[in-house]
Structure formats: C-alpha cells, structure tokens
Amino acid sequence: MPLAKPTVSKKSKTASRASSAARLRFCVFGDSHIACVKHALDQGLLDLAGVDLEFWGAPGPRFRDLHLEEGRFVVTSDGAREQLAKINPERSSGLGPEEFDGFLFIGCRLRASEYLVPMLASVPGAPGYLSQAVRDLMLPRWLESCRWYRAAREFAKQRPVFFSPAGFLNDEIVSEAEVARSVNTAATAAEREALWAQIAEAMQRDNIQLIRQPEETVTRGGLTCAAFATDLGDQGDDSVHKNGAYGALILHQALAEMRALQK
C-alpha cells in the first residue's frame, strides 16, 4: 500500500512560493572593478535583504579570455577558468542570462574618463573645442568600441542589465600635471549630469540602465574623491580602482532600480 502523501495546506504552499519568488537573484559581472562590490560585501556595507548575490568575471588580462558565444559567456583559457573557480566555483564554466534575475556590469573596460573628461574639458572658445558634430559621433563610438557593452546589450534582451562604467580617476594619485592637462576642474555637477543623461538615453535605447558615478564621490570637476579610492594593496600608483564604500553606493543604486522595475 503506498504511503500517504504528507498534508500541506494551500496557505503553506502559497507562502513558500511567495517567499521563494521574493528573493532576487542578482549577479555582479566585470573585470577587476567587481572588487569594490566584493569589498563592500566583506565589510558589511551592503543591504542584501531578499537578495542572493553572486559575482562572475576575471581580473586583469584574464578578462580578455571571457567571450560571448551564442548568447552565453564562456571561458577560453585555463588561467581565466582558475580565476573564476575562486570567484564563483559553481559557475566556472560559463554564464547565461537565464541564470539570474538581473545583472550589474561594472567596469568592463568602459571608462567614464575616456568620454566624460574630454567632453567636460571642451570649453567653447578654447583650443581643441569639440564641435557638436564631433560630440554626436563620440558617444556611440565610445559605447560600440567596448565589446562588453555589446555583450551587455545581448544579455539585456533577456534580463534587466545595469551598467556602471569605471569611475573617474582617483584624485591625489593622478599627477597634477595630468590634471592640468586633461581635467576641467571647474566643471559643474550640472554639466556632468547633462552628459550622464545623454549616456543614459543612449543606453536605454539598448534596454540597458546606466548606473552613474555618484555625485558625492566626484571632486575637482572630473576626478574621484580620494576617500573612495582603493584602500588595499599598493595605493601609490592605482588611480583606477575603488573601495568598498564606492562599491556599496553602486550596488545599492542598481538594486534600487531593479526593484523599481519589478513593481
């Protein structure tokens, strides 16, 4: 005689399904810039209520060994596979968009300084001023030149994707000679916002949500405040990477927008 099936109330089943559905599966993808979010996690700076957070990517040259093939990220070298085994051992062979509810692409060789800083430094009447025709060409070329932006566009066909370009270079590490040569230290928050809005509009056409560099992390027109620079390793020559406080701001912004989409 078969055993009787355990009795489970409809209310219990519904509650269980609701609890499972309420959890958000979210993935932070990128190159070495994912470290700032990992630092935030390790330092207890993240509010992850209802969120299952994972990381996927590879630092440095190994990032070049990740490729998009038939809509899925694959690993093409043993070195990159070893890095992924440390970052996400359960998914070291590849990553598909269906595996998460949403994605944050961070860094990924799309650098804010390469687009915004020249724009902010281009002042009407000054030598080298960029005409509107040139400006109209620069934004799409900047986006299209990044293969990981193109990959994000493919993932965005199936899941919500948020993109946080690598932030402005770190103040007090970039030489003052370089600052004088390339940064308009008088650039205003309004001028930066106008450029971010144009980037957001361009990304939105690809169904990608821009995550701007938080204004509270910006100083001297187009640099990142030293307080948000990486605080690990040799800081003397790292003008690029950010710390956990920065990572927390970026991830919380992405999660807030993700939840807004779910309403």
C-alpha atoms as a PDB file:
ATOM      1  CA  MET A   1       0.000   0.000   0.000  1.00  0.00           C
ATOM      2  CA  PRO A   2       1.507   3.365  -0.989  1.00  0.00           C
ATOM      3  CA  LEU A   3       2.381   5.762   1.750  1.00  0.00           C
ATOM      4  CA  ALA A   4       0.008   8.652   2.233  1.00  0.00           C
ATOM      5  CA  LYS A   5       1.231  11.960   0.878  1.00  0.00           C
ATOM      6  CA  PRO A   6       2.144  14.485   3.555  1.00  0.00           C
ATOM      7  CA  THR A   7      -0.563  17.019   4.159  1.00  0.00           C
ATOM      8  CA  VAL A   8       0.469  20.563   3.250  1.00  0.00           C
ATOM      9  CA  SER A   9      -2.036  23.364   3.414  1.00  0.00           C
ATOM     10  CA  LYS A  10      -2.662  25.546   0.376  1.00  0.00           C
ATOM     11  CA  LYS A  11      -1.731  28.520   2.544  1.00  0.00           C
ATOM     12  CA  SER A  12       1.687  26.990   3.318  1.00  0.00           C
ATOM     13  CA  LYS A  13       2.338  26.252  -0.344  1.00  0.00           C
ATOM     14  CA  THR A  14       1.415  29.789  -1.324  1.00  0.00           C
ATOM     15  CA  ALA A  15       3.612  31.289   1.368  1.00  0.00           C
ATOM     16  CA  SER A  16       6.518  29.088   0.317  1.00  0.00           C
ATOM     17  CA  ARG A  17       6.172  30.096  -3.328  1.00  0.00           C
ATOM     18  CA  ALA A  18       5.858  33.772  -2.376  1.00  0.00           C
ATOM     19  CA  SER A  19       8.958  33.564  -0.190  1.00  0.00           C
ATOM     20  CA  SER A  20      10.960  31.933  -2.990  1.00  0.00           C
ATOM     21  CA  ALA A  21       9.697  34.376  -5.603  1.00  0.00           C
ATOM     22  CA  ALA A  22      10.537  37.337  -3.389  1.00  0.00           C
ATOM     23  CA  ARG A  23      14.263  36.551  -3.417  1.00  0.00           C
ATOM     24  CA  LEU A  24      16.182  38.361  -6.106  1.00  0.00           C
ATOM     25  CA  ARG A  25      18.985  36.501  -7.878  1.00  0.00           C
ATOM     26  CA  PHE A  26      21.475  39.188  -8.853  1.00  0.00           C
ATOM     27  CA  CYS A  27      24.913  38.923 -10.445  1.00  0.00           C
ATOM     28  CA  VAL A  28      27.775  41.425 -10.433  1.00  0.00           C
ATOM     29  CA  PHE A  29      29.802  40.899 -13.589  1.00  0.00           C
ATOM     30  CA  GLY A  30      33.045  42.524 -14.639  1.00  0.00           C
ATOM     31  CA  ASP A  31      36.792  42.804 -14.562  1.00  0.00           C
ATOM     32  CA  SER A  32      38.841  43.830 -11.522  1.00  0.00           C
ATOM     33  CA  HIS A  33      36.243  46.519 -10.738  1.00  0.00           C
ATOM     34  CA  ILE A  34      33.954  43.890  -9.213  1.00  0.00           C
ATOM     35  CA  ALA A  35      36.378  44.003  -6.284  1.00  0.00           C
ATOM     36  CA  CYS A  36      34.852  47.216  -4.918  1.00  0.00           C
ATOM     37  CA  VAL A  37      31.490  45.466  -4.516  1.00  0.00           C
ATOM     38  CA  LYS A  38      33.182  42.413  -3.003  1.00  0.00           C
ATOM     39  CA  HIS A  39      34.979  44.720  -0.533  1.00  0.00           C
ATOM     40  CA  ALA A  40      31.604  46.238   0.356  1.00  0.00           C
ATOM     41  CA  LEU A  41      30.222  42.760   0.994  1.00  0.00           C
ATOM     42  CA  ASP A  42      33.185  41.725   3.139  1.00  0.00           C
ATOM     43  CA  GLN A  43      32.972  44.966   5.128  1.00  0.00           C
ATOM     44  CA  GLY A  44      29.259  44.556   5.857  1.00  0.00           C
ATOM     45  CA  LEU A  45      28.265  47.646   3.883  1.00  0.00           C
ATOM     46  CA  LEU A  46      25.567  46.026   1.751  1.00  0.00           C
ATOM     47  CA  ASP A  47      21.847  45.731   2.402  1.00  0.00           C
ATOM     48  CA  LEU A  48      21.065  42.374   0.787  1.00  0.00           C
ATOM     49  CA  ALA A  49      17.683  41.649   2.340  1.00  0.00           C
ATOM     50  CA  GLY A  50      15.900  39.334  -0.084  1.00  0.00           C
ATOM     51  CA  VAL A  51      18.874  39.229  -2.455  1.00  0.00           C
ATOM     52  CA  ASP A  52      21.058  36.286  -3.467  1.00  0.00           C
ATOM     53  CA  LEU A  53      24.222  37.979  -4.731  1.00  0.00           C
ATOM     54  CA  GLU A  54      26.907  36.338  -6.839  1.00  0.00           C
ATOM     55  CA  PHE A  55      29.982  37.526  -8.745  1.00  0.00           C
ATOM     56  CA  TRP A  56      31.268  36.481 -12.143  1.00  0.00           C
ATOM     57  CA  GLY A  57      34.268  37.746 -14.098  1.00  0.00           C
ATOM     58  CA  ALA A  58      38.047  37.857 -14.091  1.00  0.00           C
ATOM     59  CA  PRO A  59      40.681  40.470 -13.261  1.00  0.00           C
ATOM     60  CA  GLY A  60      43.373  41.923 -15.485  1.00  0.00           C
ATOM     61  CA  PRO A  61      44.431  40.152 -18.683  1.00  0.00           C
ATOM     62  CA  ARG A  62      42.242  37.135 -17.850  1.00  0.00           C
ATOM     63  CA  PHE A  63      39.179  39.241 -18.547  1.00  0.00           C
ATOM     64  CA  ARG A  64      40.132  39.089 -22.218  1.00  0.00           C
ATOM     65  CA  ASP A  65      39.656  35.317 -22.079  1.00  0.00           C
ATOM     66  CA  LEU A  66      35.930  35.650 -21.460  1.00  0.00           C
ATOM     67  CA  HIS A  67      33.777  35.731 -24.576  1.00  0.00           C
ATOM     68  CA  LEU A  68      30.157  35.875 -25.610  1.00  0.00           C
ATOM     69  CA  GLU A  69      29.209  32.866 -27.710  1.00  0.00           C
ATOM     70  CA  GLU A  70      25.635  32.137 -28.748  1.00  0.00           C
ATOM     71  CA  GLY A  71      24.286  34.454 -26.067  1.00  0.00           C
ATOM     72  CA  ARG A  72      26.330  32.930 -23.238  1.00  0.00           C
ATOM     73  CA  PHE A  73      29.634  33.917 -21.587  1.00  0.00           C
ATOM     74  CA  VAL A  74      32.284  31.224 -21.969  1.00  0.00           C
ATOM     75  CA  VAL A  75      35.844  30.862 -20.705  1.00  0.00           C
ATOM     76  CA  THR A  76      38.616  30.310 -23.255  1.00  0.00           C
ATOM     77  CA  SER A  77      41.724  29.790 -21.111  1.00  0.00           C
ATOM     78  CA  ASP A  78      42.743  27.696 -18.132  1.00  0.00           C
ATOM     79  CA  GLY A  79      44.015  30.819 -16.377  1.00  0.00           C
ATOM     80  CA  ALA A  80      40.628  32.538 -16.568  1.00  0.00           C
ATOM     81  CA  ARG A  81      38.910  29.321 -15.503  1.00  0.00           C
ATOM     82  CA  GLU A  82      41.135  29.165 -12.427  1.00  0.00           C
ATOM     83  CA  GLN A  83      40.226  32.757 -11.565  1.00  0.00           C
ATOM     84  CA  LEU A  84      36.531  32.015 -11.962  1.00  0.00           C
ATOM     85  CA  ALA A  85      36.841  28.940  -9.776  1.00  0.00           C
ATOM     86  CA  LYS A  86      37.913  31.299  -6.980  1.00  0.00           C
ATOM     87  CA  ILE A  87      35.223  33.905  -7.699  1.00  0.00           C
ATOM     88  CA  ASN A  88      32.277  31.601  -8.424  1.00  0.00           C
ATOM     89  CA  PRO A  89      33.207  27.895  -8.306  1.00  0.00           C
ATOM     90  CA  GLU A  90      29.701  26.722  -9.176  1.00  0.00           C
ATOM     91  CA  ARG A  91      29.685  28.653 -12.466  1.00  0.00           C
ATOM     92  CA  SER A  92      33.320  28.477 -13.562  1.00  0.00           C
ATOM     93  CA  SER A  93      32.456  27.028 -16.973  1.00  0.00           C
ATOM     94  CA  GLY A  94      30.184  29.804 -18.205  1.00  0.00           C
ATOM     95  CA  LEU A  95      27.263  32.126 -17.556  1.00  0.00           C
ATOM     96  CA  GLY A  96      23.917  32.595 -19.269  1.00  0.00           C
ATOM     97  CA  PRO A  97      21.368  35.388 -18.800  1.00  0.00           C
ATOM     98  CA  GLU A  98      18.704  32.944 -17.647  1.00  0.00           C
ATOM     99  CA  GLU A  99      20.707  32.108 -14.505  1.00  0.00           C
ATOM    100  CA  PHE A 100      19.881  35.396 -12.736  1.00  0.00           C
ATOM    101  CA  ASP A 101      17.041  37.881 -12.469  1.00  0.00           C
ATOM    102  CA  GLY A 102      19.337  40.828 -13.184  1.00  0.00           C
ATOM    103  CA  PHE A 103      22.936  41.823 -13.813  1.00  0.00           C
ATOM    104  CA  LEU A 104      25.252  44.672 -12.892  1.00  0.00           C
ATOM    105  CA  PHE A 105      28.089  45.122 -15.372  1.00  0.00           C
ATOM    106  CA  ILE A 106      30.759  47.140 -13.596  1.00  0.00           C
ATOM    107  CA  GLY A 107      33.928  48.483 -15.183  1.00  0.00           C
ATOM    108  CA  CYS A 108      34.156  46.068 -18.100  1.00  0.00           C
ATOM    109  CA  ARG A 109      36.645  48.309 -19.947  1.00  0.00           C
ATOM    110  CA  LEU A 110      34.047  51.071 -20.377  1.00  0.00           C
ATOM    111  CA  ARG A 111      35.782  54.027 -18.708  1.00  0.00           C
ATOM    112  CA  ALA A 112      33.972  57.241 -17.786  1.00  0.00           C
ATOM    113  CA  SER A 113      37.213  59.211 -18.053  1.00  0.00           C
ATOM    114  CA  GLU A 114      37.573  58.365 -21.736  1.00  0.00           C
ATOM    115  CA  TYR A 115      34.299  60.046 -22.655  1.00  0.00           C
ATOM    116  CA  LEU A 116      33.177  62.455 -19.955  1.00  0.00           C
ATOM    117  CA  VAL A 117      36.517  64.048 -19.126  1.00  0.00           C
ATOM    118  CA  PRO A 118      37.261  65.215 -22.703  1.00  0.00           C
ATOM    119  CA  MET A 119      33.697  66.480 -23.017  1.00  0.00           C
ATOM    120  CA  LEU A 120      33.910  68.403 -19.762  1.00  0.00           C
ATOM    121  CA  ALA A 121      37.281  69.843 -20.760  1.00  0.00           C
ATOM    122  CA  SER A 122      35.983  71.058 -24.118  1.00  0.00           C
ATOM    123  CA  VAL A 123      35.043  74.665 -23.368  1.00  0.00           C
ATOM    124  CA  PRO A 124      33.598  76.922 -26.102  1.00  0.00           C
ATOM    125  CA  GLY A 125      36.236  79.287 -27.445  1.00  0.00           C
ATOM    126  CA  ALA A 126      39.142  77.226 -26.099  1.00  0.00           C
ATOM    127  CA  PRO A 127      41.662  75.454 -28.354  1.00  0.00           C
ATOM    128  CA  GLY A 128      40.501  71.997 -29.375  1.00  0.00           C
ATOM    129  CA  TYR A 129      36.835  72.697 -28.700  1.00  0.00           C
ATOM    130  CA  LEU A 130      34.724  69.742 -29.863  1.00  0.00           C
ATOM    131  CA  SER A 131      32.032  70.709 -32.326  1.00  0.00           C
ATOM    132  CA  GLN A 132      28.518  69.346 -31.967  1.00  0.00           C
ATOM    133  CA  ALA A 133      29.103  67.088 -34.970  1.00  0.00           C
ATOM    134  CA  VAL A 134      32.112  65.526 -33.246  1.00  0.00           C
ATOM    135  CA  ARG A 135      30.208  65.192 -29.985  1.00  0.00           C
ATOM    136  CA  ASP A 136      27.380  63.411 -31.767  1.00  0.00           C
ATOM    137  CA  LEU A 137      29.855  60.835 -33.062  1.00  0.00           C
ATOM    138  CA  MET A 138      31.814  60.291 -29.857  1.00  0.00           C
ATOM    139  CA  LEU A 139      29.108  58.788 -27.660  1.00  0.00           C
ATOM    140  CA  PRO A 140      28.001  55.905 -29.922  1.00  0.00           C
ATOM    141  CA  ARG A 141      31.615  55.186 -30.829  1.00  0.00           C
ATOM    142  CA  TRP A 142      32.605  55.062 -27.167  1.00  0.00           C
ATOM    143  CA  LEU A 143      29.849  52.574 -26.402  1.00  0.00           C
ATOM    144  CA  GLU A 144      30.272  50.454 -29.508  1.00  0.00           C
ATOM    145  CA  SER A 145      34.046  50.244 -29.078  1.00  0.00           C
ATOM    146  CA  CYS A 146      33.571  48.253 -25.852  1.00  0.00           C
ATOM    147  CA  ARG A 147      32.835  44.610 -26.601  1.00  0.00           C
ATOM    148  CA  TRP A 148      31.434  44.154 -23.112  1.00  0.00           C
ATOM    149  CA  TYR A 149      28.907  46.883 -23.723  1.00  0.00           C
ATOM    150  CA  ARG A 150      27.872  44.942 -26.820  1.00  0.00           C
ATOM    151  CA  ALA A 151      27.656  41.807 -24.677  1.00  0.00           C
ATOM    152  CA  ALA A 152      25.514  43.634 -22.125  1.00  0.00           C
ATOM    153  CA  ARG A 153      23.157  44.567 -24.942  1.00  0.00           C
ATOM    154  CA  GLU A 154      22.715  40.873 -25.749  1.00  0.00           C
ATOM    155  CA  PHE A 155      22.032  39.945 -22.117  1.00  0.00           C
ATOM    156  CA  ALA A 156      19.554  42.827 -21.898  1.00  0.00           C
ATOM    157  CA  LYS A 157      17.381  41.082 -24.462  1.00  0.00           C
ATOM    158  CA  GLN A 158      16.505  38.537 -21.771  1.00  0.00           C
ATOM    159  CA  ARG A 159      17.145  40.106 -18.365  1.00  0.00           C
ATOM    160  CA  PRO A 160      17.437  43.572 -16.802  1.00  0.00           C
ATOM    161  CA  VAL A 161      21.017  44.831 -17.171  1.00  0.00           C
ATOM    162  CA  PHE A 162      22.608  47.758 -15.343  1.00  0.00           C
ATOM    163  CA  PHE A 163      25.929  49.190 -16.454  1.00  0.00           C
ATOM    164  CA  SER A 164      28.334  51.122 -14.242  1.00  0.00           C
ATOM    165  CA  PRO A 165      31.317  52.424 -16.237  1.00  0.00           C
ATOM    166  CA  ALA A 166      34.670  52.553 -14.476  1.00  0.00           C
ATOM    167  CA  GLY A 167      34.669  55.755 -12.435  1.00  0.00           C
ATOM    168  CA  PHE A 168      36.785  58.866 -12.830  1.00  0.00           C
ATOM    169  CA  LEU A 169      40.469  58.521 -11.968  1.00  0.00           C
ATOM    170  CA  ASN A 170      41.347  58.859  -8.292  1.00  0.00           C
ATOM    171  CA  ASP A 171      42.349  62.283  -7.012  1.00  0.00           C
ATOM    172  CA  GLU A 172      45.694  62.636  -5.211  1.00  0.00           C
ATOM    173  CA  ILE A 173      47.093  59.751  -7.251  1.00  0.00           C
ATOM    174  CA  VAL A 174      46.770  61.214 -10.731  1.00  0.00           C
ATOM    175  CA  SER A 175      49.629  63.656 -11.175  1.00  0.00           C
ATOM    176  CA  GLU A 176      48.866  67.349 -11.062  1.00  0.00           C
ATOM    177  CA  ALA A 177      50.494  67.681 -14.481  1.00  0.00           C
ATOM    178  CA  GLU A 178      47.945  65.274 -15.922  1.00  0.00           C
ATOM    179  CA  VAL A 179      45.099  67.003 -14.114  1.00  0.00           C
ATOM    180  CA  ALA A 180      46.174  70.366 -15.530  1.00  0.00           C
ATOM    181  CA  ARG A 181      46.472  68.875 -18.994  1.00  0.00           C
ATOM    182  CA  SER A 182      43.204  66.940 -19.207  1.00  0.00           C
ATOM    183  CA  VAL A 183      40.700  67.742 -16.441  1.00  0.00           C
ATOM    184  CA  ASN A 184      38.437  70.761 -16.309  1.00  0.00           C
ATOM    185  CA  THR A 185      38.497  71.200 -12.547  1.00  0.00           C
ATOM    186  CA  ALA A 186      35.818  73.886 -12.837  1.00  0.00           C
ATOM    187  CA  ALA A 187      33.275  71.516 -14.428  1.00  0.00           C
ATOM    188  CA  THR A 188      29.996  71.569 -12.532  1.00  0.00           C
ATOM    189  CA  ALA A 189      27.605  68.900 -11.316  1.00  0.00           C
ATOM    190  CA  ALA A 190      25.036  70.209 -13.808  1.00  0.00           C
ATOM    191  CA  GLU A 191      27.497  69.768 -16.677  1.00  0.00           C
ATOM    192  CA  ARG A 192      28.270  66.227 -15.585  1.00  0.00           C
ATOM    193  CA  GLU A 193      24.585  65.443 -15.201  1.00  0.00           C
ATOM    194  CA  ALA A 194      23.885  66.620 -18.752  1.00  0.00           C
ATOM    195  CA  LEU A 195      26.478  64.169 -20.078  1.00  0.00           C
ATOM    196  CA  TRP A 196      25.272  61.330 -17.890  1.00  0.00           C
ATOM    197  CA  ALA A 197      21.736  61.965 -19.145  1.00  0.00           C
ATOM    198  CA  GLN A 198      22.912  61.618 -22.744  1.00  0.00           C
ATOM    199  CA  ILE A 199      24.668  58.351 -21.911  1.00  0.00           C
ATOM    200  CA  ALA A 200      21.589  57.064 -20.096  1.00  0.00           C
ATOM    201  CA  GLU A 201      19.413  57.883 -23.094  1.00  0.00           C
ATOM    202  CA  ALA A 202      21.783  56.078 -25.468  1.00  0.00           C
ATOM    203  CA  MET A 203      21.938  53.014 -23.206  1.00  0.00           C
ATOM    204  CA  GLN A 204      18.186  52.988 -22.754  1.00  0.00           C
ATOM    205  CA  ARG A 205      17.806  52.504 -26.485  1.00  0.00           C
ATOM    206  CA  ASP A 206      19.686  49.230 -25.963  1.00  0.00           C
ATOM    207  CA  ASN A 207      17.464  48.373 -22.977  1.00  0.00           C
ATOM    208  CA  ILE A 208      20.394  48.925 -20.585  1.00  0.00           C
ATOM    209  CA  GLN A 209      20.088  51.030 -17.429  1.00  0.00           C
ATOM    210  CA  LEU A 210      23.022  53.339 -16.717  1.00  0.00           C
ATOM    211  CA  ILE A 211      24.392  53.486 -13.176  1.00  0.00           C
ATOM    212  CA  ARG A 212      26.011  56.907 -12.876  1.00  0.00           C
ATOM    213  CA  GLN A 213      29.037  57.585 -10.733  1.00  0.00           C
ATOM    214  CA  PRO A 214      27.503  59.011  -7.536  1.00  0.00           C
ATOM    215  CA  GLU A 215      27.990  62.758  -7.397  1.00  0.00           C
ATOM    216  CA  GLU A 216      29.180  62.580  -3.784  1.00  0.00           C
ATOM    217  CA  THR A 217      32.220  60.617  -4.983  1.00  0.00           C
ATOM    218  CA  VAL A 218      33.287  63.260  -7.534  1.00  0.00           C
ATOM    219  CA  THR A 219      35.733  66.080  -6.918  1.00  0.00           C
ATOM    220  CA  ARG A 220      37.557  68.768  -8.906  1.00  0.00           C
ATOM    221  CA  GLY A 221      35.349  68.546 -11.960  1.00  0.00           C
ATOM    222  CA  GLY A 222      36.180  65.036 -13.140  1.00  0.00           C
ATOM    223  CA  LEU A 223      38.083  63.053 -10.521  1.00  0.00           C
ATOM    224  CA  THR A 224      37.073  60.579  -7.813  1.00  0.00           C
ATOM    225  CA  CYS A 225      37.484  61.721  -4.213  1.00  0.00           C
ATOM    226  CA  ALA A 226      40.482  60.094  -2.561  1.00  0.00           C
ATOM    227  CA  ALA A 227      38.167  58.758   0.162  1.00  0.00           C
ATOM    228  CA  PHE A 228      36.676  56.359  -2.389  1.00  0.00           C
ATOM    229  CA  ALA A 229      39.953  55.134  -3.880  1.00  0.00           C
ATOM    230  CA  THR A 230      41.023  51.556  -3.231  1.00  0.00           C
ATOM    231  CA  ASP A 231      42.481  51.086   0.219  1.00  0.00           C
ATOM    232  CA  LEU A 232      44.080  47.707  -0.441  1.00  0.00           C
ATOM    233  CA  GLY A 233      47.443  46.819  -1.906  1.00  0.00           C
ATOM    234  CA  ASP A 234      49.843  49.389  -3.335  1.00  0.00           C
ATOM    235  CA  GLN A 235      47.753  52.556  -3.490  1.00  0.00           C
ATOM    236  CA  GLY A 236      50.596  54.729  -4.704  1.00  0.00           C
ATOM    237  CA  ASP A 237      50.018  54.079  -8.374  1.00  0.00           C
ATOM    238  CA  ASP A 238      46.422  52.777  -8.512  1.00  0.00           C
ATOM    239  CA  SER A 239      44.453  55.645  -9.941  1.00  0.00           C
ATOM    240  CA  VAL A 240      41.642  53.400 -11.157  1.00  0.00           C
ATOM    241  CA  HIS A 241      40.184  51.055  -8.548  1.00  0.00           C
ATOM    242  CA  LYS A 242      37.698  51.988  -5.838  1.00  0.00           C
ATOM    243  CA  ASN A 243      36.966  50.844  -2.293  1.00  0.00           C
ATOM    244  CA  GLY A 244      34.032  49.171  -0.567  1.00  0.00           C
ATOM    245  CA  ALA A 245      32.244  52.445   0.175  1.00  0.00           C
ATOM    246  CA  TYR A 246      32.140  53.162  -3.547  1.00  0.00           C
ATOM    247  CA  GLY A 247      31.036  49.617  -4.369  1.00  0.00           C
ATOM    248  CA  ALA A 248      28.179  49.846  -1.873  1.00  0.00           C
ATOM    249  CA  LEU A 249      26.873  53.037  -3.491  1.00  0.00           C
ATOM    250  CA  ILE A 250      26.951  51.455  -6.938  1.00  0.00           C
ATOM    251  CA  LEU A 251      25.296  48.181  -5.961  1.00  0.00           C
ATOM    252  CA  HIS A 252      22.574  49.833  -3.885  1.00  0.00           C
ATOM    253  CA  GLN A 253      21.755  52.110  -6.812  1.00  0.00           C
ATOM    254  CA  ALA A 254      21.475  49.108  -9.139  1.00  0.00           C
ATOM    255  CA  LEU A 255      19.336  47.110  -6.701  1.00  0.00           C
ATOM    256  CA  ALA A 256      17.024  50.077  -6.122  1.00  0.00           C
ATOM    257  CA  GLU A 257      16.445  50.407  -9.844  1.00  0.00           C
ATOM    258  CA  MET A 258      15.998  46.653 -10.192  1.00  0.00           C
ATOM    259  CA  ARG A 259      13.302  46.639  -7.521  1.00  0.00           C
ATOM    260  CA  ALA A 260      11.606  49.609  -9.184  1.00  0.00           C
ATOM    261  CA  LEU A 261      11.379  47.587 -12.396  1.00  0.00           C
ATOM    262  CA  GLN A 262       9.725  44.717 -10.516  1.00  0.00           C
ATOM    263  CA  LYS A 263       6.885  46.845  -9.151  1.00  0.00           C
END
